[in-house]
């Protein structure tokens, strides 16, 4: 795919919007191929089946595999066999593919994916990103069923939010979810969420520490330039740093996978302990936060009563959009 391909795709899309005429098969194929390249730029890696679910859910898997083979012949993508998966393959962009996709205006705000160095080492670091794509897919499938507005590119990965110096002064969610829900009452509600995916590869305490990092980000309010700490002008504090990006602090959604029920319960317990600390509890008065198992979401749907409120597990599981802050 070239920049000219991208221009042609957008021109045809605009023509369809004006005329209301469905695209012909050739135009549709260009659009899907563009979307595959864009997805591999945005999500780093995906299987053929994941790409089919994202962009061509009504067609067969062999057609998507054929598209990927054609892109490989053009030097835009490569694949590798996933460890312990039989013959399943993960697909990712080549250096040339990254350069082509980086020219797409729609991807201007997406971090450029890191190219794999040692391919053998890369094999054992990609499962986390594949789990992020799995999480994205359960939201996408539910939105399609409900008629909500959430598309294949509405989960933005790894946006850095820096609130202090050093590694501990940064939060970088696995994804920022943009979801618009039809309330069935004639109105639409926009939802933003920081999504954290854990495959059980880190200790429960490290996972819980992420909740504390979000509380620090939520609480950071730099003083205006020229105002000194301890002065009368500083008594009102500064504007919360997060308000420079968001009208409302995004809710926190923790998605756990690969731990089994006992491992899930252990990690949820760790999150609840941190949620009781003063600093985090203050944030959770107004910020909704929940946790769920990915396997349950895939089996029952992301909109089911599967999300446990981290601040009060006794409330029981609810749909993710019903999670609320505890309020004083």
C-alpha atoms as a PDB file:
ATOM      1  CA  UNK A   1       0.000   0.000   0.000  1.00  0.00           C
ATOM      2  CA  UNK A   2       1.183   3.479  -0.854  1.00  0.00           C
ATOM      3  CA  UNK A   3       0.183   6.992   0.107  1.00  0.00           C
ATOM      4  CA  UNK A   4      -1.696   7.097  -3.208  1.00  0.00           C
ATOM      5  CA  UNK A   5      -3.700   4.051  -2.081  1.00  0.00           C
ATOM      6  CA  UNK A   6      -4.651   5.908   1.083  1.00  0.00           C
ATOM      7  CA  UNK A   7      -5.720   8.988  -0.889  1.00  0.00           C
ATOM      8  CA  UNK A   8      -7.845   6.868  -3.213  1.00  0.00           C
ATOM      9  CA  UNK A   9      -9.484   5.153  -0.269  1.00  0.00           C
ATOM     10  CA  UNK A  10     -10.464   8.448   1.361  1.00  0.00           C
ATOM     11  CA  UNK A  11     -11.729   9.909  -1.926  1.00  0.00           C
ATOM     12  CA  UNK A  12     -14.004   6.930  -2.503  1.00  0.00           C
ATOM     13  CA  UNK A  13     -15.216   7.042   1.090  1.00  0.00           C
ATOM     14  CA  UNK A  14     -16.185  10.696   0.676  1.00  0.00           C
ATOM     15  CA  UNK A  15     -18.024   9.885  -2.554  1.00  0.00           C
ATOM     16  CA  UNK A  16     -19.997   7.172  -0.777  1.00  0.00           C
ATOM     17  CA  UNK A  17     -20.909   9.615   1.995  1.00  0.00           C
ATOM     18  CA  UNK A  18     -22.255  12.075  -0.600  1.00  0.00           C
ATOM     19  CA  UNK A  19     -24.186   9.586  -2.711  1.00  0.00           C
ATOM     20  CA  UNK A  20     -25.221   6.987  -0.150  1.00  0.00           C
ATOM     21  CA  UNK A  21     -24.166   4.261  -2.605  1.00  0.00           C
ATOM     22  CA  UNK A  22     -22.445   1.230  -1.120  1.00  0.00           C
ATOM     23  CA  UNK A  23     -18.872   0.710  -2.330  1.00  0.00           C
ATOM     24  CA  UNK A  24     -18.155  -1.827  -5.032  1.00  0.00           C
ATOM     25  CA  UNK A  25     -16.059  -4.867  -4.178  1.00  0.00           C
ATOM     26  CA  UNK A  26     -12.815  -3.287  -5.408  1.00  0.00           C
ATOM     27  CA  UNK A  27     -13.327  -0.167  -3.313  1.00  0.00           C
ATOM     28  CA  UNK A  28     -14.254  -2.263  -0.289  1.00  0.00           C
ATOM     29  CA  UNK A  29     -11.109  -4.330  -0.715  1.00  0.00           C
ATOM     30  CA  UNK A  30      -8.947  -1.186  -0.754  1.00  0.00           C
ATOM     31  CA  UNK A  31     -10.636   0.027   2.420  1.00  0.00           C
ATOM     32  CA  UNK A  32     -10.133  -3.258   4.249  1.00  0.00           C
ATOM     33  CA  UNK A  33      -6.498  -3.487   3.171  1.00  0.00           C
ATOM     34  CA  UNK A  34      -5.885   0.073   4.389  1.00  0.00           C
ATOM     35  CA  UNK A  35      -7.581  -0.783   7.687  1.00  0.00           C
ATOM     36  CA  UNK A  36      -5.390  -3.875   8.165  1.00  0.00           C
ATOM     37  CA  UNK A  37      -2.197  -1.845   7.718  1.00  0.00           C
ATOM     38  CA  UNK A  38      -3.522   0.895  10.015  1.00  0.00           C
ATOM     39  CA  UNK A  39      -4.477  -1.639  12.694  1.00  0.00           C
ATOM     40  CA  UNK A  40      -1.031  -3.232  12.674  1.00  0.00           C
ATOM     41  CA  UNK A  41       0.423   0.253  13.137  1.00  0.00           C
ATOM     42  CA  UNK A  42      -1.953   1.083  15.982  1.00  0.00           C
ATOM     43  CA  UNK A  43      -1.967  -2.282  17.786  1.00  0.00           C
ATOM     44  CA  UNK A  44       1.560  -3.470  16.867  1.00  0.00           C
ATOM     45  CA  UNK A  45       0.586  -7.085  16.206  1.00  0.00           C
ATOM     46  CA  UNK A  46      -2.547  -9.137  15.527  1.00  0.00           C
ATOM     47  CA  UNK A  47      -3.563 -12.536  14.258  1.00  0.00           C
ATOM     48  CA  UNK A  48      -5.440 -13.009  10.998  1.00  0.00           C
ATOM     49  CA  UNK A  49      -8.556 -13.942  12.956  1.00  0.00           C
ATOM     50  CA  UNK A  50      -8.349 -10.773  15.052  1.00  0.00           C
ATOM     51  CA  UNK A  51      -7.975  -8.673  11.913  1.00  0.00           C
ATOM     52  CA  UNK A  52     -10.952 -10.455  10.354  1.00  0.00           C
ATOM     53  CA  UNK A  53     -13.102  -9.675  13.405  1.00  0.00           C
ATOM     54  CA  UNK A  54     -11.952  -6.057  13.333  1.00  0.00           C
ATOM     55  CA  UNK A  55     -12.496  -5.269   9.672  1.00  0.00           C
ATOM     56  CA  UNK A  56     -14.303  -8.063   7.812  1.00  0.00           C
ATOM     57  CA  UNK A  57     -16.474  -9.980  10.301  1.00  0.00           C
ATOM     58  CA  UNK A  58     -18.833 -11.151   7.544  1.00  0.00           C
ATOM     59  CA  UNK A  59     -16.123 -12.796   5.438  1.00  0.00           C
ATOM     60  CA  UNK A  60     -14.063 -15.936   5.927  1.00  0.00           C
ATOM     61  CA  UNK A  61     -10.640 -16.235   7.507  1.00  0.00           C
ATOM     62  CA  UNK A  62      -8.983 -17.395   4.263  1.00  0.00           C
ATOM     63  CA  UNK A  63      -9.782 -14.096   2.593  1.00  0.00           C
ATOM     64  CA  UNK A  64      -8.009 -12.203   5.366  1.00  0.00           C
ATOM     65  CA  UNK A  65      -5.042 -14.552   5.139  1.00  0.00           C
ATOM     66  CA  UNK A  66      -4.901 -13.851   1.417  1.00  0.00           C
ATOM     67  CA  UNK A  67      -4.805 -10.099   2.078  1.00  0.00           C
ATOM     68  CA  UNK A  68      -1.954 -10.563   4.531  1.00  0.00           C
ATOM     69  CA  UNK A  69       0.017 -12.710   2.086  1.00  0.00           C
ATOM     70  CA  UNK A  70      -0.414 -10.016  -0.561  1.00  0.00           C
ATOM     71  CA  UNK A  71       0.827  -7.362   1.870  1.00  0.00           C
ATOM     72  CA  UNK A  72       3.804  -9.570   2.718  1.00  0.00           C
ATOM     73  CA  UNK A  73       4.688  -9.847  -0.969  1.00  0.00           C
ATOM     74  CA  UNK A  74       4.698  -6.045  -1.137  1.00  0.00           C
ATOM     75  CA  UNK A  75       7.102  -5.869   1.798  1.00  0.00           C
ATOM     76  CA  UNK A  76       4.649  -4.247   4.193  1.00  0.00           C
ATOM     77  CA  UNK A  77       4.110  -7.013   6.762  1.00  0.00           C
ATOM     78  CA  UNK A  78       5.828 -10.029   8.247  1.00  0.00           C
ATOM     79  CA  UNK A  79       4.569 -12.893  10.350  1.00  0.00           C
ATOM     80  CA  UNK A  80       5.899 -15.258  12.965  1.00  0.00           C
ATOM     81  CA  UNK A  81       4.528 -18.436  14.486  1.00  0.00           C
ATOM     82  CA  UNK A  82       3.291 -17.807  18.010  1.00  0.00           C
ATOM     83  CA  UNK A  83       4.927 -19.961  20.708  1.00  0.00           C
ATOM     84  CA  UNK A  84       2.843 -22.855  22.017  1.00  0.00           C
ATOM     85  CA  UNK A  85       0.011 -22.137  19.595  1.00  0.00           C
ATOM     86  CA  UNK A  86       0.380 -24.769  16.906  1.00  0.00           C
ATOM     87  CA  UNK A  87       0.572 -22.920  13.603  1.00  0.00           C
ATOM     88  CA  UNK A  88      -1.124 -19.656  14.643  1.00  0.00           C
ATOM     89  CA  UNK A  89       0.714 -16.582  13.382  1.00  0.00           C
ATOM     90  CA  UNK A  90       1.043 -13.021  14.553  1.00  0.00           C
ATOM     91  CA  UNK A  91       1.362 -10.332  11.884  1.00  0.00           C
ATOM     92  CA  UNK A  92       3.253  -7.048  12.241  1.00  0.00           C
ATOM     93  CA  UNK A  93       4.524  -4.252  10.025  1.00  0.00           C
ATOM     94  CA  UNK A  94       7.953  -4.188   8.471  1.00  0.00           C
ATOM     95  CA  UNK A  95      10.076  -1.052   8.619  1.00  0.00           C
ATOM     96  CA  UNK A  96       8.700  -0.148   5.183  1.00  0.00           C
ATOM     97  CA  UNK A  97       5.148  -0.812   6.387  1.00  0.00           C
ATOM     98  CA  UNK A  98       5.640   1.473   9.370  1.00  0.00           C
ATOM     99  CA  UNK A  99       6.847   4.286   7.107  1.00  0.00           C
ATOM    100  CA  UNK A 100       3.835   3.887   4.816  1.00  0.00           C
ATOM    101  CA  UNK A 101       1.319   3.783   7.671  1.00  0.00           C
ATOM    102  CA  UNK A 102       2.949   6.730   9.447  1.00  0.00           C
ATOM    103  CA  UNK A 103       1.875   8.889   6.478  1.00  0.00           C
ATOM    104  CA  UNK A 104      -1.831   8.160   7.097  1.00  0.00           C
ATOM    105  CA  UNK A 105      -3.353  11.337   8.572  1.00  0.00           C
ATOM    106  CA  UNK A 106      -5.689   9.213  10.718  1.00  0.00           C
ATOM    107  CA  UNK A 107      -2.673   7.794  12.572  1.00  0.00           C
ATOM    108  CA  UNK A 108      -0.932  11.107  13.247  1.00  0.00           C
ATOM    109  CA  UNK A 109      -1.505  10.882  17.025  1.00  0.00           C
ATOM    110  CA  UNK A 110      -0.660   7.185  17.368  1.00  0.00           C
ATOM    111  CA  UNK A 111       2.771   6.299  18.799  1.00  0.00           C
ATOM    112  CA  UNK A 112       5.033   4.746  16.156  1.00  0.00           C
ATOM    113  CA  UNK A 113       5.340   1.002  16.854  1.00  0.00           C
ATOM    114  CA  UNK A 114       8.704  -0.369  17.871  1.00  0.00           C
ATOM    115  CA  UNK A 115      10.135  -2.809  15.368  1.00  0.00           C
ATOM    116  CA  UNK A 116      11.171  -6.208  16.746  1.00  0.00           C
ATOM    117  CA  UNK A 117      14.887  -6.634  17.243  1.00  0.00           C
ATOM    118  CA  UNK A 118      15.623 -10.254  18.138  1.00  0.00           C
ATOM    119  CA  UNK A 119      12.706 -12.199  16.648  1.00  0.00           C
ATOM    120  CA  UNK A 120      13.004 -15.029  19.164  1.00  0.00           C
ATOM    121  CA  UNK A 121      12.847 -12.602  22.079  1.00  0.00           C
ATOM    122  CA  UNK A 122       9.995 -10.759  20.380  1.00  0.00           C
ATOM    123  CA  UNK A 123       7.899 -13.929  20.325  1.00  0.00           C
ATOM    124  CA  UNK A 124       7.733 -13.990  24.104  1.00  0.00           C
ATOM    125  CA  UNK A 125       6.798 -10.332  24.533  1.00  0.00           C
ATOM    126  CA  UNK A 126       3.907 -10.115  22.114  1.00  0.00           C
ATOM    127  CA  UNK A 127       1.230 -12.000  24.058  1.00  0.00           C
ATOM    128  CA  UNK A 128       0.425  -8.944  26.138  1.00  0.00           C
ATOM    129  CA  UNK A 129      -0.396  -6.897  23.050  1.00  0.00           C
ATOM    130  CA  UNK A 130      -2.488  -9.726  21.629  1.00  0.00           C
ATOM    131  CA  UNK A 131      -4.443  -9.711  24.924  1.00  0.00           C
ATOM    132  CA  UNK A 132      -5.015  -5.973  24.493  1.00  0.00           C
ATOM    133  CA  UNK A 133      -6.465  -6.665  21.025  1.00  0.00           C
ATOM    134  CA  UNK A 134      -8.672  -9.394  22.527  1.00  0.00           C
ATOM    135  CA  UNK A 135      -9.961  -6.840  25.045  1.00  0.00           C
ATOM    136  CA  UNK A 136     -10.627  -4.345  22.266  1.00  0.00           C
ATOM    137  CA  UNK A 137     -12.565  -6.990  20.342  1.00  0.00           C
ATOM    138  CA  UNK A 138     -14.988  -7.742  23.191  1.00  0.00           C
ATOM    139  CA  UNK A 139     -15.919  -4.051  23.355  1.00  0.00           C
ATOM    140  CA  UNK A 140     -16.257  -3.910  19.571  1.00  0.00           C
ATOM    141  CA  UNK A 141     -18.476  -7.005  19.407  1.00  0.00           C
ATOM    142  CA  UNK A 142     -20.749  -5.658  22.139  1.00  0.00           C
ATOM    143  CA  UNK A 143     -21.006  -2.244  20.465  1.00  0.00           C
ATOM    144  CA  UNK A 144     -22.018  -3.860  17.175  1.00  0.00           C
ATOM    145  CA  UNK A 145     -24.745  -5.851  18.917  1.00  0.00           C
ATOM    146  CA  UNK A 146     -26.073  -2.850  20.844  1.00  0.00           C
ATOM    147  CA  UNK A 147     -25.795  -0.315  18.049  1.00  0.00           C
ATOM    148  CA  UNK A 148     -23.331   1.787  20.075  1.00  0.00           C
ATOM    149  CA  UNK A 149     -20.620   3.919  18.526  1.00  0.00           C
ATOM    150  CA  UNK A 150     -17.279   2.181  18.956  1.00  0.00           C
ATOM    151  CA  UNK A 151     -15.113   1.301  15.990  1.00  0.00           C
ATOM    152  CA  UNK A 152     -11.977  -0.681  15.161  1.00  0.00           C
ATOM    153  CA  UNK A 153      -9.735   2.308  15.964  1.00  0.00           C
ATOM    154  CA  UNK A 154     -11.466   3.584  19.117  1.00  0.00           C
ATOM    155  CA  UNK A 155      -8.931   2.088  21.511  1.00  0.00           C
ATOM    156  CA  UNK A 156      -5.774   4.218  21.452  1.00  0.00           C
ATOM    157  CA  UNK A 157      -2.763   2.347  22.867  1.00  0.00           C
ATOM    158  CA  UNK A 158      -0.014   3.500  25.202  1.00  0.00           C
ATOM    159  CA  UNK A 159      -0.592   7.246  25.491  1.00  0.00           C
ATOM    160  CA  UNK A 160       1.945   8.594  27.955  1.00  0.00           C
ATOM    161  CA  UNK A 161       0.660  10.796  30.791  1.00  0.00           C
ATOM    162  CA  UNK A 162       3.558  12.357  32.687  1.00  0.00           C
ATOM    163  CA  UNK A 163       2.872  14.043  36.015  1.00  0.00           C
ATOM    164  CA  UNK A 164       6.282  13.963  37.742  1.00  0.00           C
ATOM    165  CA  UNK A 165       9.935  13.229  37.100  1.00  0.00           C
ATOM    166  CA  UNK A 166      11.189   9.673  36.740  1.00  0.00           C
ATOM    167  CA  UNK A 167       9.556   6.394  35.766  1.00  0.00           C
ATOM    168  CA  UNK A 168       7.151   6.503  38.708  1.00  0.00           C
ATOM    169  CA  UNK A 169       5.848   9.868  37.514  1.00  0.00           C
ATOM    170  CA  UNK A 170       4.182   8.391  34.429  1.00  0.00           C
ATOM    171  CA  UNK A 171       1.053   6.431  33.661  1.00  0.00           C
ATOM    172  CA  UNK A 172       0.783   4.732  30.290  1.00  0.00           C
ATOM    173  CA  UNK A 173      -2.459   2.770  29.993  1.00  0.00           C
ATOM    174  CA  UNK A 174      -2.613  -0.176  27.640  1.00  0.00           C
ATOM    175  CA  UNK A 175      -5.440   1.655  25.928  1.00  0.00           C
ATOM    176  CA  UNK A 176      -7.597   4.758  26.083  1.00  0.00           C
ATOM    177  CA  UNK A 177     -11.119   3.687  25.193  1.00  0.00           C
ATOM    178  CA  UNK A 178     -13.513   6.070  23.394  1.00  0.00           C
ATOM    179  CA  UNK A 179     -17.031   4.623  23.565  1.00  0.00           C
ATOM    180  CA  UNK A 180     -20.384   6.314  22.852  1.00  0.00           C
ATOM    181  CA  UNK A 181     -23.366   4.406  24.224  1.00  0.00           C
ATOM    182  CA  UNK A 182     -26.971   4.563  23.076  1.00  0.00           C
ATOM    183  CA  UNK A 183     -29.043   4.825  26.271  1.00  0.00           C
ATOM    184  CA  UNK A 184     -32.164   3.659  24.358  1.00  0.00           C
ATOM    185  CA  UNK A 185     -33.858   6.798  25.654  1.00  0.00           C
ATOM    186  CA  UNK A 186     -33.023   8.963  22.682  1.00  0.00           C
ATOM    187  CA  UNK A 187     -29.710  10.178  24.039  1.00  0.00           C
ATOM    188  CA  UNK A 188     -26.069   9.188  23.712  1.00  0.00           C
ATOM    189  CA  UNK A 189     -23.438   9.100  26.458  1.00  0.00           C
ATOM    190  CA  UNK A 190     -19.711   9.397  25.833  1.00  0.00           C
ATOM    191  CA  UNK A 191     -17.436   7.206  27.928  1.00  0.00           C
ATOM    192  CA  UNK A 192     -13.668   7.474  28.283  1.00  0.00           C
ATOM    193  CA  UNK A 193     -11.706   4.780  30.087  1.00  0.00           C
ATOM    194  CA  UNK A 194      -8.128   3.901  30.837  1.00  0.00           C
ATOM    195  CA  UNK A 195      -7.802   0.169  30.124  1.00  0.00           C
ATOM    196  CA  UNK A 196      -5.143  -1.919  31.866  1.00  0.00           C
ATOM    197  CA  UNK A 197      -4.649  -5.533  30.785  1.00  0.00           C
ATOM    198  CA  UNK A 198      -2.796  -7.995  33.031  1.00  0.00           C
ATOM    199  CA  UNK A 199      -1.894 -11.529  31.978  1.00  0.00           C
ATOM    200  CA  UNK A 200      -0.803 -12.599  35.437  1.00  0.00           C
ATOM    201  CA  UNK A 201       2.846 -12.078  34.538  1.00  0.00           C
ATOM    202  CA  UNK A 202       3.435  -9.439  37.213  1.00  0.00           C
ATOM    203  CA  UNK A 203       2.883  -9.721  40.943  1.00  0.00           C
ATOM    204  CA  UNK A 204      -0.445  -8.613  42.340  1.00  0.00           C
ATOM    205  CA  UNK A 205       1.258  -5.819  44.258  1.00  0.00           C
ATOM    206  CA  UNK A 206       2.755  -4.391  41.065  1.00  0.00           C
ATOM    207  CA  UNK A 207      -0.654  -4.442  39.414  1.00  0.00           C
ATOM    208  CA  UNK A 208      -2.164  -2.681  42.423  1.00  0.00           C
ATOM    209  CA  UNK A 209       0.622  -0.085  42.303  1.00  0.00           C
ATOM    210  CA  UNK A 210      -0.814   1.075  38.981  1.00  0.00           C
ATOM    211  CA  UNK A 211      -3.956   2.140  40.829  1.00  0.00           C
ATOM    212  CA  UNK A 212      -1.829   4.274  43.133  1.00  0.00           C
ATOM    213  CA  UNK A 213      -0.072   5.827  40.108  1.00  0.00           C
ATOM    214  CA  UNK A 214      -3.427   6.841  38.651  1.00  0.00           C
ATOM    215  CA  UNK A 215      -4.336   8.431  41.988  1.00  0.00           C
ATOM    216  CA  UNK A 216      -1.122  10.445  41.885  1.00  0.00           C
ATOM    217  CA  UNK A 217      -1.874  11.601  38.350  1.00  0.00           C
ATOM    218  CA  UNK A 218      -5.444  12.494  39.347  1.00  0.00           C
ATOM    219  CA  UNK A 219      -4.188  14.530  42.322  1.00  0.00           C
ATOM    220  CA  UNK A 220      -1.374  16.403  40.555  1.00  0.00           C
ATOM    221  CA  UNK A 221      -2.225  20.094  40.225  1.00  0.00           C
ATOM    222  CA  UNK A 222       0.796  22.263  39.324  1.00  0.00           C
ATOM    223  CA  UNK A 223       0.712  25.859  40.464  1.00  0.00           C
ATOM    224  CA  UNK A 224       0.476  28.518  37.756  1.00  0.00           C
ATOM    225  CA  UNK A 225       3.752  29.863  36.444  1.00  0.00           C
ATOM    226  CA  UNK A 226       5.212  32.466  38.781  1.00  0.00           C
ATOM    227  CA  UNK A 227       3.194  31.370  41.836  1.00  0.00           C
ATOM    228  CA  UNK A 228       5.327  30.116  44.722  1.00  0.00           C
ATOM    229  CA  UNK A 229       4.341  27.335  47.112  1.00  0.00           C
ATOM    230  CA  UNK A 230       3.270  28.662  50.508  1.00  0.00           C
ATOM    231  CA  UNK A 231       2.154  32.066  49.276  1.00  0.00           C
ATOM    232  CA  UNK A 232      -1.365  33.440  49.530  1.00  0.00           C
ATOM    233  CA  UNK A 233      -1.818  33.052  45.784  1.00  0.00           C
ATOM    234  CA  UNK A 234      -1.001  29.343  46.076  1.00  0.00           C
ATOM    235  CA  UNK A 235      -3.687  28.539  48.644  1.00  0.00           C
ATOM    236  CA  UNK A 236      -6.307  27.707  46.057  1.00  0.00           C
ATOM    237  CA  UNK A 237      -3.954  25.254  44.351  1.00  0.00           C
ATOM    238  CA  UNK A 238      -3.502  24.807  40.646  1.00  0.00           C
ATOM    239  CA  UNK A 239      -5.670  23.240  37.998  1.00  0.00           C
ATOM    240  CA  UNK A 240      -5.525  19.418  37.971  1.00  0.00           C
ATOM    241  CA  UNK A 241      -3.046  18.336  35.332  1.00  0.00           C
ATOM    242  CA  UNK A 242      -5.461  15.828  33.820  1.00  0.00           C
ATOM    243  CA  UNK A 243      -7.935  18.600  32.989  1.00  0.00           C
ATOM    244  CA  UNK A 244      -5.564  19.793  30.283  1.00  0.00           C
ATOM    245  CA  UNK A 245      -6.573  16.652  28.337  1.00  0.00           C
ATOM    246  CA  UNK A 246      -9.966  15.554  29.629  1.00  0.00           C
ATOM    247  CA  UNK A 247     -13.206  17.206  30.688  1.00  0.00           C
ATOM    248  CA  UNK A 248     -13.705  14.348  33.137  1.00  0.00           C
ATOM    249  CA  UNK A 249     -11.157  11.873  34.467  1.00  0.00           C
ATOM    250  CA  UNK A 250     -11.544   8.590  32.528  1.00  0.00           C
ATOM    251  CA  UNK A 251     -12.856   5.590  34.415  1.00  0.00           C
ATOM    252  CA  UNK A 252     -10.382   2.797  35.185  1.00  0.00           C
ATOM    253  CA  UNK A 253     -10.972  -0.662  33.735  1.00  0.00           C
ATOM    254  CA  UNK A 254      -8.652  -3.496  34.767  1.00  0.00           C
ATOM    255  CA  UNK A 255      -8.913  -6.623  32.596  1.00  0.00           C
ATOM    256  CA  UNK A 256      -7.228  -9.770  33.920  1.00  0.00           C
ATOM    257  CA  UNK A 257      -6.530 -12.942  31.967  1.00  0.00           C
ATOM    258  CA  UNK A 258      -4.632 -16.187  32.265  1.00  0.00           C
ATOM    259  CA  UNK A 259      -4.810 -16.334  36.066  1.00  0.00           C
ATOM    260  CA  UNK A 260      -7.686 -18.725  36.760  1.00  0.00           C
ATOM    261  CA  UNK A 261     -10.396 -17.948  39.292  1.00  0.00           C
ATOM    262  CA  UNK A 262      -8.086 -18.138  42.310  1.00  0.00           C
ATOM    263  CA  UNK A 263      -5.495 -15.894  40.709  1.00  0.00           C
ATOM    264  CA  UNK A 264      -8.223 -13.464  39.721  1.00  0.00           C
ATOM    265  CA  UNK A 265      -9.545 -13.328  43.286  1.00  0.00           C
ATOM    266  CA  UNK A 266      -6.022 -12.735  44.632  1.00  0.00           C
ATOM    267  CA  UNK A 267      -5.388  -9.828  42.277  1.00  0.00           C
ATOM    268  CA  UNK A 268      -8.778  -8.278  42.920  1.00  0.00           C
ATOM    269  CA  UNK A 269      -8.020  -8.468  46.638  1.00  0.00           C
ATOM    270  CA  UNK A 270      -4.737  -6.627  46.083  1.00  0.00           C
ATOM    271  CA  UNK A 271      -6.528  -3.900  44.149  1.00  0.00           C
ATOM    272  CA  UNK A 272      -9.140  -3.554  46.886  1.00  0.00           C
ATOM    273  CA  UNK A 273      -6.462  -3.133  49.555  1.00  0.00           C
ATOM    274  CA  UNK A 274      -4.876  -0.264  47.634  1.00  0.00           C
ATOM    275  CA  UNK A 275      -8.321   1.215  47.008  1.00  0.00           C
ATOM    276  CA  UNK A 276      -8.739   1.604  50.785  1.00  0.00           C
ATOM    277  CA  UNK A 277      -5.656   3.764  51.184  1.00  0.00           C
ATOM    278  CA  UNK A 278      -6.444   7.416  51.773  1.00  0.00           C
ATOM    279  CA  UNK A 279      -4.935   8.755  48.571  1.00  0.00           C
ATOM    280  CA  UNK A 280      -6.617   6.232  46.258  1.00  0.00           C
ATOM    281  CA  UNK A 281      -9.913   6.245  48.163  1.00  0.00           C
ATOM    282  CA  UNK A 282     -10.141  10.005  47.669  1.00  0.00           C
ATOM    283  CA  UNK A 283      -9.815   9.577  43.900  1.00  0.00           C
ATOM    284  CA  UNK A 284     -12.375   6.761  43.820  1.00  0.00           C
ATOM    285  CA  UNK A 285     -15.035   9.005  45.348  1.00  0.00           C
ATOM    286  CA  UNK A 286     -15.504  10.506  41.895  1.00  0.00           C
ATOM    287  CA  UNK A 287     -13.642   8.148  39.530  1.00  0.00           C
ATOM    288  CA  UNK A 288     -15.273   4.845  38.597  1.00  0.00           C
ATOM    289  CA  UNK A 289     -12.998   1.797  38.639  1.00  0.00           C
ATOM    290  CA  UNK A 290     -13.739  -1.858  37.963  1.00  0.00           C
ATOM    291  CA  UNK A 291     -12.072  -5.197  37.264  1.00  0.00           C
ATOM    292  CA  UNK A 292     -13.160  -8.222  35.214  1.00  0.00           C
ATOM    293  CA  UNK A 293     -11.798 -11.453  33.728  1.00  0.00           C
ATOM    294  CA  UNK A 294     -11.205 -11.384  29.978  1.00  0.00           C
ATOM    295  CA  UNK A 295     -12.364 -14.987  29.606  1.00  0.00           C
ATOM    296  CA  UNK A 296     -15.728 -14.061  31.176  1.00  0.00           C
ATOM    297  CA  UNK A 297     -16.068 -11.008  28.931  1.00  0.00           C
ATOM    298  CA  UNK A 298     -15.423 -13.135  25.849  1.00  0.00           C
ATOM    299  CA  UNK A 299     -17.970 -15.740  26.964  1.00  0.00           C
ATOM    300  CA  UNK A 300     -20.782 -13.476  28.177  1.00  0.00           C
ATOM    301  CA  UNK A 301     -20.154 -10.060  26.621  1.00  0.00           C
ATOM    302  CA  UNK A 302     -18.433  -6.986  27.947  1.00  0.00           C
ATOM    303  CA  UNK A 303     -21.793  -5.373  28.807  1.00  0.00           C
ATOM    304  CA  UNK A 304     -22.798  -8.162  31.194  1.00  0.00           C
ATOM    305  CA  UNK A 305     -22.741  -7.937  34.997  1.00  0.00           C
ATOM    306  CA  UNK A 306     -19.072  -8.902  35.199  1.00  0.00           C
ATOM    307  CA  UNK A 307     -17.276  -5.768  36.426  1.00  0.00           C
ATOM    308  CA  UNK A 308     -16.431  -5.703  40.125  1.00  0.00           C
ATOM    309  CA  UNK A 309     -16.247  -2.188  41.636  1.00  0.00           C
ATOM    310  CA  UNK A 310     -12.733  -1.969  43.042  1.00  0.00           C
ATOM    311  CA  UNK A 311     -13.727   0.480  45.769  1.00  0.00           C
ATOM    312  CA  UNK A 312     -16.469  -1.797  47.142  1.00  0.00           C
ATOM    313  CA  UNK A 313     -16.535  -5.420  46.037  1.00  0.00           C
ATOM    314  CA  UNK A 314     -19.603  -6.074  48.202  1.00  0.00           C
ATOM    315  CA  UNK A 315     -21.708  -4.130  45.698  1.00  0.00           C
ATOM    316  CA  UNK A 316     -21.302  -7.033  43.306  1.00  0.00           C
ATOM    317  CA  UNK A 317     -20.589  -7.016  39.558  1.00  0.00           C
ATOM    318  CA  UNK A 318     -22.321  -4.582  37.178  1.00  0.00           C
ATOM    319  CA  UNK A 319     -21.982  -3.577  33.493  1.00  0.00           C
ATOM    320  CA  UNK A 320     -18.876  -1.455  33.020  1.00  0.00           C
ATOM    321  CA  UNK A 321     -20.838   1.720  32.254  1.00  0.00           C
ATOM    322  CA  UNK A 322     -22.716   1.429  35.585  1.00  0.00           C
ATOM    323  CA  UNK A 323     -19.528   1.649  37.618  1.00  0.00           C
ATOM    324  CA  UNK A 324     -19.568   4.845  39.668  1.00  0.00           C
ATOM    325  CA  UNK A 325     -17.416   6.659  42.176  1.00  0.00           C
ATOM    326  CA  UNK A 326     -18.159   5.997  45.841  1.00  0.00           C
ATOM    327  CA  UNK A 327     -18.874   9.691  46.563  1.00  0.00           C
ATOM    328  CA  UNK A 328     -18.534  11.017  50.144  1.00  0.00           C
END
